[in-house]
Every structure is written in C-alpha cells, then in structure tokens.
C-alpha cells in the first residue's frame, strides 16, 4: 500500500491537471522530437549552399555568447534569491530569454554549417550539443513553476545542473571548431603533458613532418580536420592532403602553378577564395615558400631537405619594429583596393604591423616604373610580393627605400642580381625569394653581410647549391660554394 500511495502522490504531482498544461507539454515534446530529427531531415552534405545562409550563419559565433551568459546567471539568481526573493522572480525571466537565445543560436549555427559546407565529427557533436542544450533549457523553463510551488522539489535543480553540463560540453566542441583540438594543450608544460598522457610522439625527420604538417596543423586543420571538413578537404595527414577535396586534388607534385592549395594561400586576404579563411591571418612569406618548394620538388612525405632552402632553426627571429603612422595615406590605399591592379593590405589588424604590397592581379604589367610609384608608401611596406612581375635589376633603387621591409618576393622575375648589393642597409629583412631568376653565387654574396637575413631561396637559379653527394661517391674538384641562406 505504501508503494502504491507513493506512486499516486508522484502521479498527482507530475501529471498535468489542466488542458492548457497538457497542450504545452505535448507541444514541447513534439518540438523536442523535431529538433532531434533535424540533422536527418536536412543533412550536412559538405557542399556550400546559398550565400545568405553563410551570411546569417556567421553571426553564430557572436550570438552564442548570449545564452552562455544567461544560463550561467540563472543558478546565481536562484541561490541569491533565497535572501532576496525579487531576484528569484527575475531568474524565471532570464531562463526564458536563455531558451529563446539558445534557439536562435542553434538556427544560426545550422545555417553556418549547412551554408558553408562544414561536416565532421566535431561539427556533428557541436550540433548535437546545441540541440540537447536547447531542449534541456526548455524543460527547465517548464519544470520551474512546479519547483516554485514545491510540488516537485528536485526535478528543476537536477535539470538545471544537467543543462549547465551540456553547456560546458557544447561550448568545448565549439571552441575546438574555432581554435583546433589542441588549443588548450598546445602550450601546456611538457611535464604536465606527460602526466596527463597528452605528450605527442616526436615527429619523423622529413621536411613534410617538420615544416609542412605543422603549418597545416596550426592554420588549416581547424576547418580541414577530423572535426570539421570544409569542402570535403582534410589536411591533417599526408594521404588526405594528397587526396584533395570536392573540387579535386589541391597538390600536384612538381607543379606548384597547378596546385590549388598554393593558389589559394597566395591570393590577397580580401579575396573570396583566400585561405586560411574566416578572418584567420595569412601564412607568412617563409611558410608559403616552404610549401611551394615542397610541391615543386615532388611533394614527398619522406624527403628530409629541399634543394635551395637552408633553414637555420636555432636562430630566433628579430623582434618586429613598428612602422610609422600612415593614416593620411589610407584614402589612397582604399582607392587602390577598389580598383584593378596592385594593392596594399594591412598585414594584421594592428596598423603598426605595416602593409603588404600585392601584385598578383597585375603581375605581367607591373614593372620598375610601377614599383617606383609606391615610393611614398616605402617606409610602411613590410612585405613586397613581386614574384613573376616584370621588375628588373633597376627595381633595387626603389626597394632600398623600403626601410621596414621584412620579406621580399622576386621569384620568377628577370632579376640577375646586379643590384642585390643595395639591400644590406635593410636591417629588418629576414626573407628573400630569388627562385627561378638568373642570380649567381657572386651576385648573392653581398647578402651574407645582412645579419638578420636567414631565409634565402635560390631554387632553380645559377646560384643554387649542388645537391649533397650520396655516401661513398667520389668528390668532384672543389668549387666556390654559393650561399643558400644567411648565416
């Protein structure tokens, strides 16, 4: 009898008595089922869809902060409300806002994934977490009135606790999508990594493992990894890199000009197809040069070095020196951005980091005269992308005025090196790419005096050092050696 009485009391407390309440709970159940089956109704197929979906979806990272803040506020109001009942009344209103904001964030997140063609394990987990969180918040909203009437004392607190756990898990999945799976552990002390079992095995000694894969891992895998696969392309292993994505292969061994990945990372940052996308900073000049050299020399997973590239990894990069104030020149820079031809882009969101000169849209017609027109911007340009343009040795008279220049691309030009002796005063220059030019060992010799210049690329030039001889091969008569990188 006691068990029967207990069940009767529970049923009396739990089962809705009014028709309006029964309708509300029935609608909530139906709505929950609809959310649960939504991923099967509209499947993520990995293909980009309408631009308006991507436009609205990109507000998702901004919108998700609202339900997070509101849900964290609810238990605080409930606890403090013991002393100040007015705050407990506000908790119900805040919980209602949290449900509405959860639903809005869920819709925007789905538009972002579906419209942008994002798929992957972490995308699916994040979406499942958002659905669970929305349903849990709705159940909290419906159960709270019972708790206020002391009809059922423990259901609402238990649901609220589960909701907060779902919030933490869902937020973690979202952070993994935005920053990568190793965002929290990347700079963890080695001892702590070992203690937690997160220490990674040492990478193999190939050029790909030591230099190319880390570039992809740091800049690309957040969108092209196991958790999120935009465009069907994954860059988290060599085999998957070479496999390509929905648009075909992205690496054509030995043919950098036909490799889609290299094309995308060398576009101007404002271009629609530029990679890394979603506002991430562009790759550095040396990272692009490593990728290009790796592709050009066969895209091997095992080669330990690249001809024409000598890396001095033990040297620390010199600190960046801020450029001056160029705000008065911004109107002219903006006009360039709207017109066809060369463009100046800020290196980062900080104006003091300087400008990058892009010539990709007018390379064939960009010569010494066109470069001279940028003299007024010379003190503010830190990266000059002059590869495959029509510049000649006469360009060095202009380039020597680029006092803050850190990276200089001259690959594929008519440069013979006669003017390289004018560059040593550029104390901040750390990188120069002369691949595919006619520079000689004698013409690049003056660059050895530049103490900060540590990356010189001489692939496919008369100055290219000969490849090392295999073991047990008789040595040729000694010849003067060309320097391939600064000491």
Protein backbone atom coordinates (compact mmCIF):
# COMPACT_ATOMS: atom_id res chain seq x y z
CA UNK A 1 0.00 0.00 0.00
CA UNK A 2 2.80 2.38 0.87
CA UNK A 3 4.35 1.93 -2.57
CA UNK A 4 1.00 2.46 -4.23
CA UNK A 5 0.37 5.59 -2.20
CA UNK A 6 3.80 6.93 -3.10
CA UNK A 7 3.20 6.35 -6.81
CA UNK A 8 -0.19 8.02 -6.53
CA UNK A 9 1.37 11.09 -4.93
CA UNK A 10 4.06 11.27 -7.62
CA UNK A 11 1.47 10.92 -10.37
CA UNK A 12 -0.65 13.60 -8.80
CA UNK A 13 2.34 15.96 -8.71
CA UNK A 14 3.76 15.09 -12.10
CA UNK A 15 0.80 14.63 -14.41
CA UNK A 16 -0.65 17.87 -15.83
CA UNK A 17 -4.09 18.63 -14.47
CA UNK A 18 -5.24 21.37 -16.79
CA UNK A 19 -5.82 21.13 -20.51
CA UNK A 20 -3.53 24.11 -21.17
CA UNK A 21 -0.68 22.41 -19.33
CA UNK A 22 -1.18 19.17 -21.24
CA UNK A 23 -1.13 21.07 -24.54
CA UNK A 24 2.06 22.87 -23.50
CA UNK A 25 3.87 19.65 -22.61
CA UNK A 26 2.65 17.90 -25.75
CA UNK A 27 3.90 20.78 -27.89
CA UNK A 28 7.23 20.72 -26.03
CA UNK A 29 7.60 17.00 -26.67
CA UNK A 30 6.79 17.41 -30.35
CA UNK A 31 9.20 20.32 -30.66
CA UNK A 32 11.96 18.29 -28.96
CA UNK A 33 11.44 15.40 -31.38
CA UNK A 34 11.60 17.81 -34.31
CA UNK A 35 14.95 19.19 -33.10
CA UNK A 36 16.32 15.69 -32.55
CA UNK A 37 15.49 14.53 -36.10
CA UNK A 38 16.53 17.83 -37.73
CA UNK A 39 20.06 16.61 -38.67
CA UNK A 40 18.45 13.67 -40.52
CA UNK A 41 15.83 15.84 -42.23
CA UNK A 42 18.36 18.38 -43.55
CA UNK A 43 21.66 16.53 -43.83
CA UNK A 44 25.02 18.27 -43.87
CA UNK A 45 26.41 17.22 -47.26
CA UNK A 46 29.74 19.08 -47.13
CA UNK A 47 28.80 21.34 -50.04
CA UNK A 48 28.49 25.14 -49.78
CA UNK A 49 24.96 26.43 -50.32
CA UNK A 50 23.29 29.85 -50.53
CA UNK A 51 25.31 32.95 -49.69
CA UNK A 52 22.50 34.28 -47.47
CA UNK A 53 22.83 31.17 -45.30
CA UNK A 54 26.54 31.76 -44.84
CA UNK A 55 25.93 35.47 -44.21
CA UNK A 56 23.44 34.82 -41.42
CA UNK A 57 25.35 31.81 -40.10
CA UNK A 58 28.47 33.85 -39.47
CA UNK A 59 26.64 35.65 -36.69
CA UNK A 60 26.58 32.35 -34.78
CA UNK A 61 29.98 32.85 -33.03
CA UNK A 62 28.69 36.20 -31.78
CA UNK A 63 25.20 35.01 -30.81
CA UNK A 64 26.34 32.01 -28.75
CA UNK A 65 27.73 34.24 -26.03
CA UNK A 66 24.23 35.40 -25.04
CA UNK A 67 22.77 32.01 -23.96
CA UNK A 68 26.06 31.17 -22.22
CA UNK A 69 25.88 34.32 -20.11
CA UNK A 70 22.16 33.94 -19.36
CA UNK A 71 22.39 30.28 -18.37
CA UNK A 72 25.29 30.99 -16.03
CA UNK A 73 23.27 33.80 -14.49
CA UNK A 74 20.21 31.64 -13.71
CA UNK A 75 21.69 29.48 -10.88
CA UNK A 76 23.28 32.57 -9.37
CA UNK A 77 19.91 34.32 -9.25
CA UNK A 78 18.25 31.21 -7.79
CA UNK A 79 20.83 30.97 -5.00
CA UNK A 80 20.88 34.67 -4.12
CA UNK A 81 17.09 34.69 -4.40
CA UNK A 82 16.92 32.81 -1.11
CA UNK A 83 17.81 36.10 0.56
CA UNK A 84 16.22 38.44 -1.98
CA UNK A 85 13.01 36.94 -3.46
CA UNK A 86 12.86 39.59 -6.20
CA UNK A 87 15.99 38.11 -7.75
CA UNK A 88 14.43 34.66 -7.82
CA UNK A 89 11.49 36.10 -9.75
CA UNK A 90 13.97 37.55 -12.25
CA UNK A 91 15.52 34.09 -12.68
CA UNK A 92 12.41 32.84 -14.47
CA UNK A 93 12.54 35.74 -16.94
CA UNK A 94 16.27 35.21 -17.55
CA UNK A 95 15.65 31.49 -18.13
CA UNK A 96 13.03 32.35 -20.76
CA UNK A 97 15.48 34.65 -22.52
CA UNK A 98 18.10 31.88 -22.35
CA UNK A 99 15.76 29.47 -24.15
CA UNK A 100 14.99 31.99 -26.91
CA UNK A 101 18.70 32.79 -27.37
CA UNK A 102 19.58 29.06 -27.41
CA UNK A 103 17.05 28.51 -30.16
CA UNK A 104 18.34 31.48 -32.15
CA UNK A 105 21.95 30.38 -31.79
CA UNK A 106 21.01 26.86 -32.86
CA UNK A 107 19.37 28.15 -36.04
CA UNK A 108 22.36 30.36 -36.88
CA UNK A 109 24.77 27.50 -36.18
CA UNK A 110 22.87 25.19 -38.51
CA UNK A 111 22.91 27.86 -41.24
CA UNK A 112 26.66 28.27 -40.75
CA UNK A 113 27.35 24.53 -41.05
CA UNK A 114 24.89 23.85 -43.88
CA UNK A 115 25.56 27.02 -45.84
CA UNK A 116 29.34 26.79 -45.51
CA UNK A 117 29.55 23.08 -46.30
CA UNK A 118 31.04 22.10 -42.93
CA UNK A 119 30.97 18.46 -41.91
CA UNK A 120 32.94 16.34 -39.49
CA UNK A 121 32.80 14.66 -36.11
CA UNK A 122 33.20 17.84 -34.10
CA UNK A 123 30.60 19.67 -36.19
CA UNK A 124 28.11 16.87 -35.52
CA UNK A 125 28.95 16.85 -31.81
CA UNK A 126 28.59 20.61 -31.53
CA UNK A 127 25.21 20.48 -33.27
CA UNK A 128 24.03 17.62 -31.05
CA UNK A 129 25.16 19.60 -28.02
CA UNK A 130 23.25 22.67 -29.19
CA UNK A 131 20.08 20.62 -29.69
CA UNK A 132 20.46 18.98 -26.27
CA UNK A 133 21.10 22.32 -24.61
CA UNK A 134 18.04 23.91 -26.22
CA UNK A 135 15.78 21.02 -25.16
CA UNK A 136 17.21 20.99 -21.62
CA UNK A 137 16.68 24.73 -21.25
CA UNK A 138 13.09 24.37 -22.42
CA UNK A 139 12.47 21.58 -19.87
CA UNK A 140 13.95 23.77 -17.13
CA UNK A 141 11.55 26.52 -18.13
CA UNK A 142 8.57 24.16 -17.93
CA UNK A 143 9.65 22.46 -14.67
CA UNK A 144 10.47 25.63 -12.77
CA UNK A 145 6.84 26.54 -11.87
CA UNK A 146 6.44 23.13 -10.15
CA UNK A 147 9.59 23.80 -8.17
CA UNK A 148 8.33 27.24 -7.12
CA UNK A 149 5.11 25.64 -5.82
CA UNK A 150 7.15 22.97 -4.00
CA UNK A 151 5.22 20.35 -5.95
CA UNK A 152 8.39 18.55 -7.08
CA UNK A 153 11.45 19.68 -5.15
CA UNK A 154 14.32 18.10 -7.05
CA UNK A 155 13.43 17.94 -10.76
CA UNK A 156 14.20 21.56 -11.66
CA UNK A 157 17.58 21.72 -9.82
CA UNK A 158 18.60 18.43 -11.42
CA UNK A 159 17.58 19.62 -14.88
CA UNK A 160 19.42 22.92 -14.36
CA UNK A 161 22.59 21.07 -13.35
CA UNK A 162 22.35 18.85 -16.44
CA UNK A 163 21.79 21.94 -18.58
CA UNK A 164 24.99 23.54 -17.28
CA UNK A 165 26.95 20.35 -18.00
CA UNK A 166 25.53 20.32 -21.54
CA UNK A 167 26.54 23.98 -21.88
CA UNK A 168 30.16 23.23 -20.92
CA UNK A 169 30.40 20.26 -23.31
CA UNK A 170 28.78 22.13 -26.21
CA UNK A 171 30.97 25.19 -25.69
CA UNK A 172 34.06 22.96 -25.69
CA UNK A 173 33.06 21.47 -29.06
CA UNK A 174 32.53 24.96 -30.46
CA UNK A 175 35.93 26.09 -29.18
CA UNK A 176 37.53 23.07 -30.82
CA UNK A 177 35.96 24.05 -34.15
CA UNK A 178 37.23 27.61 -33.88
CA UNK A 179 40.71 27.04 -32.49
CA UNK A 180 41.57 23.38 -33.07
CA UNK A 181 41.58 20.39 -30.78
CA UNK A 182 44.93 21.31 -29.19
CA UNK A 183 44.06 24.93 -28.35
CA UNK A 184 44.07 24.34 -24.57
CA UNK A 185 47.03 21.97 -24.59
CA UNK A 186 49.33 23.49 -27.21
CA UNK A 187 51.42 25.42 -24.68
CA UNK A 188 50.93 23.04 -21.75
CA UNK A 189 54.23 22.40 -19.89
CA UNK A 190 55.94 19.22 -21.04
CA UNK A 191 55.82 17.70 -17.56
CA UNK A 192 52.07 18.28 -17.31
CA UNK A 193 51.54 16.84 -20.81
CA UNK A 194 53.45 13.73 -19.79
CA UNK A 195 51.49 13.42 -16.53
CA UNK A 196 48.14 13.76 -18.32
CA UNK A 197 49.15 11.43 -21.14
CA UNK A 198 48.90 14.17 -23.79
CA UNK A 199 52.55 14.22 -24.80
CA UNK A 200 52.85 13.67 -28.53
CA UNK A 201 55.31 11.29 -30.10
CA UNK A 202 58.26 13.05 -31.75
CA UNK A 203 57.64 13.80 -35.44
CA UNK A 204 59.56 11.99 -38.15
CA UNK A 205 62.55 13.81 -39.59
CA UNK A 206 61.13 14.51 -43.06
CA UNK A 207 60.71 18.04 -44.36
CA UNK A 208 56.96 17.45 -44.56
CA UNK A 209 56.72 16.31 -40.92
CA UNK A 210 58.97 19.06 -39.54
CA UNK A 211 57.82 22.04 -41.60
CA UNK A 212 54.76 21.46 -43.81
CA UNK A 213 52.49 19.47 -41.49
CA UNK A 214 52.93 21.98 -38.58
CA UNK A 215 51.81 24.78 -40.93
CA UNK A 216 48.64 22.87 -41.81
CA UNK A 217 48.08 21.89 -38.18
CA UNK A 218 48.34 25.46 -36.89
CA UNK A 219 46.49 27.28 -39.66
CA UNK A 220 44.24 24.88 -41.56
CA UNK A 221 43.15 21.83 -39.57
CA UNK A 222 40.55 23.74 -37.56
CA UNK A 223 38.48 23.88 -40.78
CA UNK A 224 40.01 20.91 -42.63
CA UNK A 225 40.49 18.23 -39.98
CA UNK A 226 38.64 15.33 -38.45
CA UNK A 227 36.30 17.61 -36.51
CA UNK A 228 35.36 19.93 -39.39
CA UNK A 229 35.76 19.14 -43.09
CA UNK A 230 35.04 22.16 -45.28
CA UNK A 231 34.75 21.34 -48.96
CA UNK A 232 35.50 17.69 -48.31
CA UNK A 233 39.19 18.59 -47.81
CA UNK A 234 41.25 17.34 -44.90
CA UNK A 235 44.81 18.49 -44.24
CA UNK A 236 45.59 16.55 -41.07
CA UNK A 237 47.61 13.75 -42.74
CA UNK A 238 49.80 13.40 -45.82
CA UNK A 239 47.50 10.90 -47.56
CA UNK A 240 44.45 13.14 -47.06
CA UNK A 241 46.34 16.22 -48.27
CA UNK A 242 47.25 14.45 -51.48
CA UNK A 243 43.71 13.05 -51.86
CA UNK A 244 42.19 16.53 -52.13
CA UNK A 245 38.55 17.52 -51.68
CA UNK A 246 35.33 18.01 -53.57
CA UNK A 247 36.99 20.34 -56.09
CA UNK A 248 39.70 17.80 -56.88
CA UNK A 249 43.32 17.47 -55.86
CA UNK A 250 44.89 20.51 -54.20
CA UNK A 251 48.54 19.41 -54.51
CA UNK A 252 50.02 18.48 -57.90
CA UNK A 253 53.50 17.14 -57.20
CA UNK A 254 56.14 19.02 -59.19
CA UNK A 255 53.66 21.61 -60.48
CA UNK A 256 53.05 24.41 -57.96
CA UNK A 257 51.32 26.52 -60.62
CA UNK A 258 48.61 23.83 -60.89
CA UNK A 259 48.29 23.25 -57.14
CA UNK A 260 45.03 24.76 -55.91
CA UNK A 261 46.21 24.98 -52.30
CA UNK A 262 49.20 27.15 -53.22
CA UNK A 263 46.97 29.35 -55.38
CA UNK A 264 44.53 29.90 -52.52
CA UNK A 265 47.15 30.80 -49.89
CA UNK A 266 48.79 33.36 -52.20
CA UNK A 267 45.61 35.27 -53.04
CA UNK A 268 45.07 38.71 -51.43
CA UNK A 269 43.49 38.29 -47.95
CA UNK A 270 40.29 40.00 -49.07
CA UNK A 271 39.70 37.55 -51.93
CA UNK A 272 36.65 35.29 -51.58
CA UNK A 273 38.73 32.13 -52.09
CA UNK A 274 41.67 33.17 -49.90
CA UNK A 275 42.95 30.63 -47.40
CA UNK A 276 43.12 30.49 -44.42
CA UNK A 277 39.52 31.73 -44.43
CA UNK A 278 37.14 33.11 -41.79
CA UNK A 279 39.36 36.03 -40.80
CA UNK A 280 42.41 33.97 -39.90
CA UNK A 281 45.80 35.65 -40.54
CA UNK A 282 47.59 34.77 -43.79
CA UNK A 283 50.58 32.45 -43.85
CA UNK A 284 53.98 34.08 -43.56
CA UNK A 285 56.18 34.55 -46.59
CA UNK A 286 58.55 31.79 -45.49
CA UNK A 287 55.71 29.33 -44.83
CA UNK A 288 54.41 29.89 -48.36
CA UNK A 289 57.93 29.43 -49.73
CA UNK A 290 58.34 26.13 -47.86
CA UNK A 291 55.05 24.82 -49.25
CA UNK A 292 55.93 25.93 -52.77
CA UNK A 293 59.41 24.37 -52.64
CA UNK A 294 57.98 21.15 -51.21
CA UNK A 295 55.42 20.91 -54.04
CA UNK A 296 57.94 21.92 -56.69
CA UNK A 297 60.35 19.19 -55.60
CA UNK A 298 57.84 16.37 -55.63
CA UNK A 299 55.68 16.84 -52.50
CA UNK A 300 57.48 13.91 -50.89
CA UNK A 301 56.45 12.61 -47.46
CA UNK A 302 59.98 11.32 -46.76
CA UNK A 303 62.49 13.83 -48.17
CA UNK A 304 64.46 15.39 -45.34
CA UNK A 305 65.52 18.60 -47.10
CA UNK A 306 64.61 20.83 -50.02
CA UNK A 307 67.18 21.94 -52.56
CA UNK A 308 67.74 25.68 -52.42
CA UNK A 309 66.40 26.03 -48.85
CA UNK A 310 68.78 26.20 -45.94
CA UNK A 311 66.99 26.60 -42.61
CA UNK A 312 68.69 27.92 -39.52
CA UNK A 313 66.12 26.85 -36.98
CA UNK A 314 68.17 27.69 -33.92
CA UNK A 315 68.14 31.41 -34.61
CA UNK A 316 65.36 33.46 -33.08
CA UNK A 317 63.53 35.85 -35.35
CA UNK A 318 64.33 39.51 -34.62
CA UNK A 319 61.57 41.47 -32.89
CA UNK A 320 59.21 43.30 -35.23
CA UNK A 321 59.73 47.04 -35.40
CA UNK A 322 56.51 49.09 -35.72
CA UNK A 323 56.16 51.25 -38.81
CA UNK A 324 55.16 54.90 -38.63
CA UNK A 325 51.74 56.49 -38.91
CA UNK A 326 50.31 56.19 -42.42
CA UNK A 327 46.72 57.18 -41.61
CA UNK A 328 46.96 60.14 -44.00
CA UNK A 329 47.55 57.69 -46.86
CA UNK A 330 44.54 55.48 -46.08
CA UNK A 331 42.18 57.17 -48.59
CA UNK A 332 44.64 56.43 -51.39
CA UNK A 333 45.12 52.86 -50.15
CA UNK A 334 41.34 52.44 -50.13
CA UNK A 335 41.07 53.64 -53.73
CA UNK A 336 43.66 51.02 -54.78
CA UNK A 337 41.61 48.34 -53.09
CA UNK A 338 38.54 49.24 -55.17
CA UNK A 339 40.42 49.44 -58.49
CA UNK A 340 42.13 46.81 -60.63
CA UNK A 341 45.86 46.47 -60.22
CA UNK A 342 48.34 46.32 -57.34
CA UNK A 343 47.02 46.69 -53.82
CA UNK A 344 48.25 47.49 -50.35
CA UNK A 345 46.77 45.49 -47.49
CA UNK A 346 47.39 45.76 -43.77
CA UNK A 347 49.46 42.83 -42.51
CA UNK A 348 47.20 42.46 -39.48
CA UNK A 349 44.52 44.30 -37.54
CA UNK A 350 47.28 46.42 -35.99
CA UNK A 351 48.25 49.27 -38.34
CA UNK A 352 51.73 49.46 -36.81
CA UNK A 353 52.49 45.98 -38.20
CA UNK A 354 52.74 47.54 -41.65
CA UNK A 355 51.49 46.94 -45.19
CA UNK A 356 51.81 44.15 -47.76
CA UNK A 357 52.21 45.02 -51.46
CA UNK A 358 50.21 42.56 -53.61
CA UNK A 359 50.72 42.45 -57.39
CA UNK A 360 49.06 39.14 -58.27
CA UNK A 361 46.28 40.85 -60.27
CA UNK A 362 48.72 42.81 -62.45
CA UNK A 363 51.95 40.83 -62.37
CA UNK A 364 52.53 40.85 -66.15
CA UNK A 365 52.36 44.67 -66.39
CA UNK A 366 53.93 45.56 -63.05
CA UNK A 367 57.49 46.74 -63.72
CA UNK A 368 60.10 49.11 -62.33
CA UNK A 369 58.06 52.22 -63.18
CA UNK A 370 55.01 50.89 -61.36
CA UNK A 371 57.10 49.97 -58.32
CA UNK A 372 58.54 53.48 -58.23
CA UNK A 373 55.01 54.86 -57.77
CA UNK A 374 54.97 53.23 -54.33
CA UNK A 375 57.89 55.28 -53.00
CA UNK A 376 55.60 57.33 -50.77
CA UNK A 377 54.49 54.08 -49.08
CA UNK A 378 58.04 52.70 -48.84
CA UNK A 379 58.55 53.23 -45.07
CA UNK A 380 55.34 51.33 -44.27
CA UNK A 381 55.67 48.27 -46.55
CA UNK A 382 56.93 45.18 -44.71
CA UNK A 383 56.25 42.55 -47.38
CA UNK A 384 56.67 43.08 -51.14
CA UNK A 385 55.02 40.37 -53.28
CA UNK A 386 56.79 40.97 -56.60
CA UNK A 387 57.05 37.36 -57.76
CA UNK A 388 56.50 36.79 -61.51
CA UNK A 389 56.28 40.52 -62.21
CA UNK A 390 58.22 42.46 -64.87
CA UNK A 391 60.64 44.12 -62.44
CA UNK A 392 64.36 44.14 -63.29
CA UNK A 393 67.61 44.97 -61.52
CA UNK A 394 66.59 48.64 -61.66
CA UNK A 395 63.96 47.90 -59.01
CA UNK A 396 66.64 47.77 -56.29
CA UNK A 397 66.97 51.57 -56.41
CA UNK A 398 63.38 51.73 -55.19
CA UNK A 399 63.47 48.69 -52.89
CA UNK A 400 66.39 50.05 -50.89
CA UNK A 401 63.99 52.76 -49.63
CA UNK A 402 61.65 50.13 -48.10
CA UNK A 403 63.30 50.59 -44.71
CA UNK A 404 60.89 48.30 -42.81
CA UNK A 405 60.90 45.51 -45.41
CA UNK A 406 60.94 42.04 -43.81
CA UNK A 407 60.04 39.80 -46.77
CA UNK A 408 60.82 40.24 -50.46
CA UNK A 409 59.41 38.00 -53.22
CA UNK A 410 61.29 38.22 -56.53
CA UNK A 411 60.83 34.63 -57.74
CA UNK A 412 60.24 34.17 -61.47
CA UNK A 413 61.42 37.68 -62.41
CA UNK A 414 64.16 38.97 -64.73
CA UNK A 415 66.45 39.74 -61.81
CA UNK A 416 70.10 38.81 -62.39
CA UNK A 417 71.30 40.05 -59.02
CA UNK A 418 73.39 43.05 -60.08
CA UNK A 419 71.55 45.30 -57.63
CA UNK A 420 71.43 42.97 -54.61
CA UNK A 421 74.38 44.84 -53.11
CA UNK A 422 71.98 47.75 -52.43
CA UNK A 423 69.89 45.70 -49.97
CA UNK A 424 72.23 45.28 -46.92
CA UNK A 425 71.01 48.59 -45.34
CA UNK A 426 67.56 46.92 -44.97
CA UNK A 427 68.27 45.73 -41.43
CA UNK A 428 64.85 44.13 -40.88
CA UNK A 429 64.89 41.93 -43.99
CA UNK A 430 64.72 38.28 -42.89
CA UNK A 431 63.44 36.62 -46.07
CA UNK A 432 64.13 36.89 -49.79
CA UNK A 433 62.97 34.53 -52.55
CA UNK A 434 65.05 34.59 -55.75
CA UNK A 435 63.98 31.18 -57.10
CA UNK A 436 63.65 30.96 -60.88
CA UNK A 437 65.82 34.02 -61.54
CA UNK A 438 69.32 34.35 -63.05
CA UNK A 439 71.15 35.35 -59.88
CA UNK A 440 74.65 33.93 -59.49
CA UNK A 441 76.72 32.99 -56.48
CA UNK A 442 78.73 36.18 -56.89
CA UNK A 443 75.66 38.41 -57.07
CA UNK A 444 74.11 37.00 -53.87
CA UNK A 445 77.38 37.17 -51.93
CA UNK A 446 76.68 40.70 -50.54
CA UNK A 447 73.60 39.33 -48.78
CA UNK A 448 75.85 37.42 -46.37
CA UNK A 449 76.54 40.73 -44.62
CA UNK A 450 72.87 41.03 -43.56
CA UNK A 451 72.84 39.57 -40.04
CA UNK A 452 69.05 39.21 -39.83
CA UNK A 453 68.58 37.68 -43.29
CA UNK A 454 68.23 33.98 -42.55
CA UNK A 455 65.97 32.69 -45.35
CA UNK A 456 67.29 32.93 -48.92
CA UNK A 457 65.60 30.81 -51.60
CA UNK A 458 67.71 30.06 -54.67
CA UNK A 459 65.90 27.11 -56.22
CA UNK A 460 66.35 26.79 -59.98
CA UNK A 461 68.99 29.54 -60.22
CA UNK A 462 72.68 29.51 -61.22
CA UNK A 463 73.41 30.21 -57.53
CA UNK A 464 71.61 27.07 -56.34
CA UNK A 465 73.98 24.92 -54.30
CA UNK A 466 74.58 21.45 -55.76
CA UNK A 467 72.74 18.59 -54.06
CA UNK A 468 74.77 16.64 -51.50
CA UNK A 469 76.61 13.64 -52.90
CA UNK A 470 75.44 10.19 -51.82
CA UNK A 471 77.73 8.34 -49.40
CA UNK A 472 80.82 6.70 -50.94
CA UNK A 473 80.57 8.88 -54.05
CA UNK A 474 83.94 10.35 -55.12
CA UNK A 475 84.00 14.11 -54.58
CA UNK A 476 84.34 16.46 -57.50
CA UNK A 477 87.09 19.07 -57.50
CA UNK A 478 86.35 21.79 -55.01
CA UNK A 479 84.45 24.78 -56.41
CA UNK A 480 83.45 28.07 -54.74
CA UNK A 481 80.15 27.36 -52.98
CA UNK A 482 77.12 29.60 -53.34
CA UNK A 483 75.42 30.64 -50.14
CA UNK A 484 71.80 29.44 -49.95
CA UNK A 485 70.90 31.23 -46.75
CA UNK A 486 72.24 33.86 -44.45
CA UNK A 487 74.47 32.60 -41.62
